[in-house]
Structures are given as structure tokens and as C-alpha cells.
N, C-alpha and C. Protein backbone atom coordinates (compact mmCIF):
# COMPACT_ATOMS: atom_id res chain seq x y z
N MET A 1 0.85 -1.18 0.00
CA MET A 1 0.00 0.00 0.00
C MET A 1 0.89 1.24 0.00
N PRO A 2 0.60 2.21 -0.86
CA PRO A 2 1.40 3.43 -0.92
C PRO A 2 1.34 4.25 0.36
N HIS A 3 2.32 5.09 0.53
CA HIS A 3 2.36 6.01 1.66
C HIS A 3 1.66 7.31 1.27
N THR A 4 1.38 8.15 2.24
CA THR A 4 0.68 9.42 2.01
C THR A 4 1.44 10.56 2.68
N ILE A 5 1.60 11.65 1.96
CA ILE A 5 2.12 12.87 2.56
C ILE A 5 0.91 13.70 2.97
N VAL A 6 0.84 14.04 4.23
CA VAL A 6 -0.25 14.86 4.73
C VAL A 6 0.07 16.30 4.34
N THR A 7 -0.61 16.79 3.33
CA THR A 7 -0.31 18.09 2.74
C THR A 7 -0.22 19.21 3.77
N ASP A 8 -1.15 19.26 4.69
CA ASP A 8 -1.18 20.37 5.64
C ASP A 8 -0.19 20.23 6.79
N VAL A 9 0.54 19.11 6.86
CA VAL A 9 1.60 18.92 7.86
C VAL A 9 2.98 19.10 7.22
N CYS A 10 3.09 18.75 5.95
CA CYS A 10 4.36 18.84 5.21
C CYS A 10 4.93 20.25 5.32
N GLU A 11 6.26 20.32 5.52
CA GLU A 11 6.94 21.62 5.62
C GLU A 11 7.90 21.86 4.46
N GLY A 12 7.85 20.99 3.45
CA GLY A 12 8.65 21.21 2.26
C GLY A 12 10.13 20.96 2.42
N VAL A 13 10.52 20.17 3.39
CA VAL A 13 11.94 19.88 3.62
C VAL A 13 12.54 19.16 2.41
N ALA A 14 11.81 18.24 1.83
CA ALA A 14 12.17 17.52 0.60
C ALA A 14 13.23 16.44 0.75
N ASP A 15 13.58 16.03 1.97
CA ASP A 15 14.50 14.90 2.13
C ASP A 15 13.92 13.65 1.48
N CYS A 16 12.61 13.52 1.51
CA CYS A 16 11.93 12.36 0.93
C CYS A 16 12.10 12.31 -0.59
N VAL A 17 12.11 13.47 -1.23
CA VAL A 17 12.23 13.52 -2.68
C VAL A 17 13.56 12.94 -3.12
N VAL A 18 14.63 13.34 -2.47
CA VAL A 18 15.97 12.87 -2.80
C VAL A 18 16.12 11.38 -2.49
N ALA A 19 15.51 10.92 -1.41
CA ALA A 19 15.68 9.53 -0.96
C ALA A 19 14.83 8.52 -1.72
N CYS A 20 13.75 8.95 -2.33
CA CYS A 20 12.82 8.01 -2.99
C CYS A 20 13.48 7.31 -4.17
N PRO A 21 13.51 5.96 -4.15
CA PRO A 21 14.19 5.23 -5.22
C PRO A 21 13.39 5.16 -6.53
N VAL A 22 12.11 5.52 -6.50
CA VAL A 22 11.31 5.44 -7.72
C VAL A 22 10.77 6.80 -8.16
N ALA A 23 11.24 7.87 -7.55
CA ALA A 23 10.86 9.24 -7.91
C ALA A 23 9.35 9.44 -7.96
N CYS A 24 8.66 8.97 -6.92
CA CYS A 24 7.20 9.11 -6.90
C CYS A 24 6.72 10.31 -6.10
N ILE A 25 7.65 11.11 -5.56
CA ILE A 25 7.29 12.26 -4.74
C ILE A 25 7.52 13.54 -5.54
N HIS A 26 6.47 14.35 -5.64
CA HIS A 26 6.50 15.54 -6.48
C HIS A 26 6.11 16.78 -5.68
N ASP A 27 6.61 17.93 -6.12
CA ASP A 27 6.25 19.17 -5.44
C ASP A 27 4.86 19.62 -5.86
N GLY A 28 4.14 20.15 -4.89
CA GLY A 28 2.80 20.66 -5.15
C GLY A 28 2.86 22.14 -5.48
N PRO A 29 1.86 22.61 -6.18
CA PRO A 29 1.83 24.04 -6.52
C PRO A 29 1.43 24.90 -5.32
N GLY A 30 2.03 26.05 -5.21
CA GLY A 30 1.65 26.98 -4.16
C GLY A 30 2.10 26.55 -2.78
N LYS A 31 1.41 27.05 -1.78
CA LYS A 31 1.73 26.77 -0.38
C LYS A 31 0.57 26.04 0.28
N ASN A 32 0.85 25.32 1.36
CA ASN A 32 -0.21 24.65 2.12
C ASN A 32 -0.76 25.60 3.18
N VAL A 33 -1.61 25.09 4.08
CA VAL A 33 -2.23 25.94 5.10
C VAL A 33 -1.21 26.51 6.09
N LYS A 34 -0.03 25.88 6.19
CA LYS A 34 1.02 26.38 7.07
C LYS A 34 1.86 27.46 6.39
N GLY A 35 1.60 27.65 5.09
CA GLY A 35 2.37 28.62 4.33
C GLY A 35 3.69 28.09 3.82
N THR A 36 3.86 26.77 3.82
CA THR A 36 5.11 26.18 3.36
C THR A 36 4.90 25.44 2.04
N ASP A 37 6.01 25.17 1.36
CA ASP A 37 5.95 24.31 0.19
C ASP A 37 5.51 22.93 0.66
N TRP A 38 5.01 22.11 -0.26
CA TRP A 38 4.54 20.78 0.11
C TRP A 38 4.78 19.81 -1.04
N TYR A 39 4.72 18.54 -0.71
CA TYR A 39 4.96 17.47 -1.69
C TYR A 39 3.83 16.47 -1.64
N TRP A 40 3.74 15.66 -2.68
CA TRP A 40 2.72 14.63 -2.74
C TRP A 40 3.32 13.37 -3.34
N ILE A 41 2.74 12.22 -2.98
CA ILE A 41 3.20 10.92 -3.45
C ILE A 41 2.25 10.40 -4.52
N ASP A 42 2.82 9.99 -5.65
CA ASP A 42 2.03 9.37 -6.71
C ASP A 42 1.77 7.92 -6.28
N PHE A 43 0.54 7.65 -5.87
CA PHE A 43 0.18 6.32 -5.37
C PHE A 43 0.45 5.21 -6.39
N ALA A 44 0.30 5.52 -7.66
CA ALA A 44 0.49 4.51 -8.71
C ALA A 44 1.96 4.11 -8.87
N THR A 45 2.87 4.99 -8.46
CA THR A 45 4.30 4.72 -8.62
C THR A 45 4.96 4.24 -7.33
N CYS A 46 4.43 4.62 -6.18
CA CYS A 46 5.01 4.27 -4.88
C CYS A 46 5.13 2.75 -4.72
N ILE A 47 6.30 2.29 -4.25
CA ILE A 47 6.52 0.86 -4.05
C ILE A 47 6.48 0.46 -2.58
N ASP A 48 6.04 1.38 -1.72
CA ASP A 48 5.87 1.10 -0.29
C ASP A 48 7.16 0.67 0.39
N CYS A 49 8.27 1.32 0.04
CA CYS A 49 9.55 0.94 0.63
C CYS A 49 9.75 1.55 2.02
N GLY A 50 9.09 2.69 2.30
CA GLY A 50 9.18 3.31 3.61
C GLY A 50 10.37 4.22 3.82
N ILE A 51 11.18 4.41 2.80
CA ILE A 51 12.34 5.28 2.96
C ILE A 51 11.91 6.71 3.30
N CYS A 52 10.83 7.17 2.70
CA CYS A 52 10.36 8.53 2.98
C CYS A 52 10.03 8.72 4.46
N LEU A 53 9.45 7.70 5.06
CA LEU A 53 9.15 7.75 6.50
C LEU A 53 10.41 7.86 7.33
N GLN A 54 11.44 7.16 6.90
CA GLN A 54 12.69 7.14 7.65
C GLN A 54 13.44 8.46 7.59
N VAL A 55 13.34 9.17 6.48
CA VAL A 55 14.14 10.39 6.31
C VAL A 55 13.40 11.68 6.64
N CYS A 56 12.08 11.65 6.70
CA CYS A 56 11.32 12.87 6.95
C CYS A 56 11.49 13.33 8.40
N PRO A 57 11.95 14.58 8.61
CA PRO A 57 12.14 15.09 9.96
C PRO A 57 10.87 15.68 10.58
N VAL A 58 9.80 15.77 9.80
CA VAL A 58 8.56 16.40 10.27
C VAL A 58 7.60 15.33 10.77
N GLU A 59 7.32 15.36 12.05
CA GLU A 59 6.46 14.35 12.67
C GLU A 59 5.07 14.32 12.04
N ASN A 60 4.63 13.14 11.68
CA ASN A 60 3.31 12.88 11.10
C ASN A 60 3.08 13.50 9.73
N ALA A 61 4.14 13.89 9.04
CA ALA A 61 3.98 14.44 7.69
C ALA A 61 3.75 13.33 6.67
N ILE A 62 4.24 12.13 6.96
CA ILE A 62 4.06 11.00 6.06
C ILE A 62 3.44 9.85 6.84
N LEU A 63 2.41 9.26 6.25
CA LEU A 63 1.72 8.12 6.87
C LEU A 63 2.01 6.85 6.08
N ALA A 64 2.09 5.74 6.78
CA ALA A 64 2.38 4.45 6.15
C ALA A 64 1.10 3.79 5.65
N GLU A 65 0.25 4.57 5.03
CA GLU A 65 -0.99 4.05 4.46
C GLU A 65 -1.49 5.02 3.39
N GLU A 66 -2.34 4.54 2.52
CA GLU A 66 -2.89 5.38 1.47
C GLU A 66 -4.11 6.12 2.01
N ARG A 67 -3.99 7.43 2.14
CA ARG A 67 -5.07 8.29 2.67
C ARG A 67 -5.25 9.49 1.74
N PRO A 68 -5.85 9.29 0.58
CA PRO A 68 -5.97 10.36 -0.40
C PRO A 68 -6.69 11.61 0.11
N GLU A 69 -7.54 11.45 1.11
CA GLU A 69 -8.26 12.62 1.63
C GLU A 69 -7.35 13.57 2.40
N LEU A 70 -6.15 13.11 2.77
CA LEU A 70 -5.20 13.94 3.52
C LEU A 70 -4.10 14.52 2.63
N GLN A 71 -4.07 14.08 1.39
CA GLN A 71 -3.00 14.49 0.47
C GLN A 71 -3.59 15.15 -0.76
N LYS A 72 -3.24 16.43 -0.95
CA LYS A 72 -3.59 17.10 -2.20
C LYS A 72 -2.67 16.55 -3.27
N ILE A 73 -3.07 16.63 -4.49
CA ILE A 73 -2.19 16.28 -5.59
C ILE A 73 -2.23 17.39 -6.62
N ALA A 74 -1.20 17.47 -7.40
CA ALA A 74 -1.18 18.44 -8.50
C ALA A 74 -1.98 17.86 -9.65
N ASP A 75 -2.76 18.68 -10.27
CA ASP A 75 -3.58 18.20 -11.40
C ASP A 75 -2.79 18.18 -12.70
């Protein structure tokens, strides 16, 4: 099951982007409710490796489950 970046918790650190082995994490347009940049995971590409969870310094920014209602995506 793919992981989810909680858009409104993400602070745009982007350690997950560099660490992802399949390049499934993309930057979102604009800012989130915190006023920071944010990222989103392409569920179709994610291989559920968990590396993003290991490298993200922001508590609860990434969940180990697919929760599309918590993650905005770029259209």
C-alpha cells in the first residue's frame, strides 16, 4: 500500500524527494495551510519501501498508508 504525505503537515523539507528510489514524490503548486511548500506521493508509482518515512524530519507528515483525503495532488 502506498504512503501518504499529509499536505497540511508537510513543511517542504524535501529529504523524501531525494531519498525516494522510484521518484514518486512531487512538489505541489503553491503553499499549504502552514504557508510552506509541500509534496505529494504518486500512489500509482510508490513501491511502499518506507524510505520517505525514515528520512522525513517532520512528525506525522508521512503516513504508512494510502489516505488520499489527507493528500492534495497536483492536477
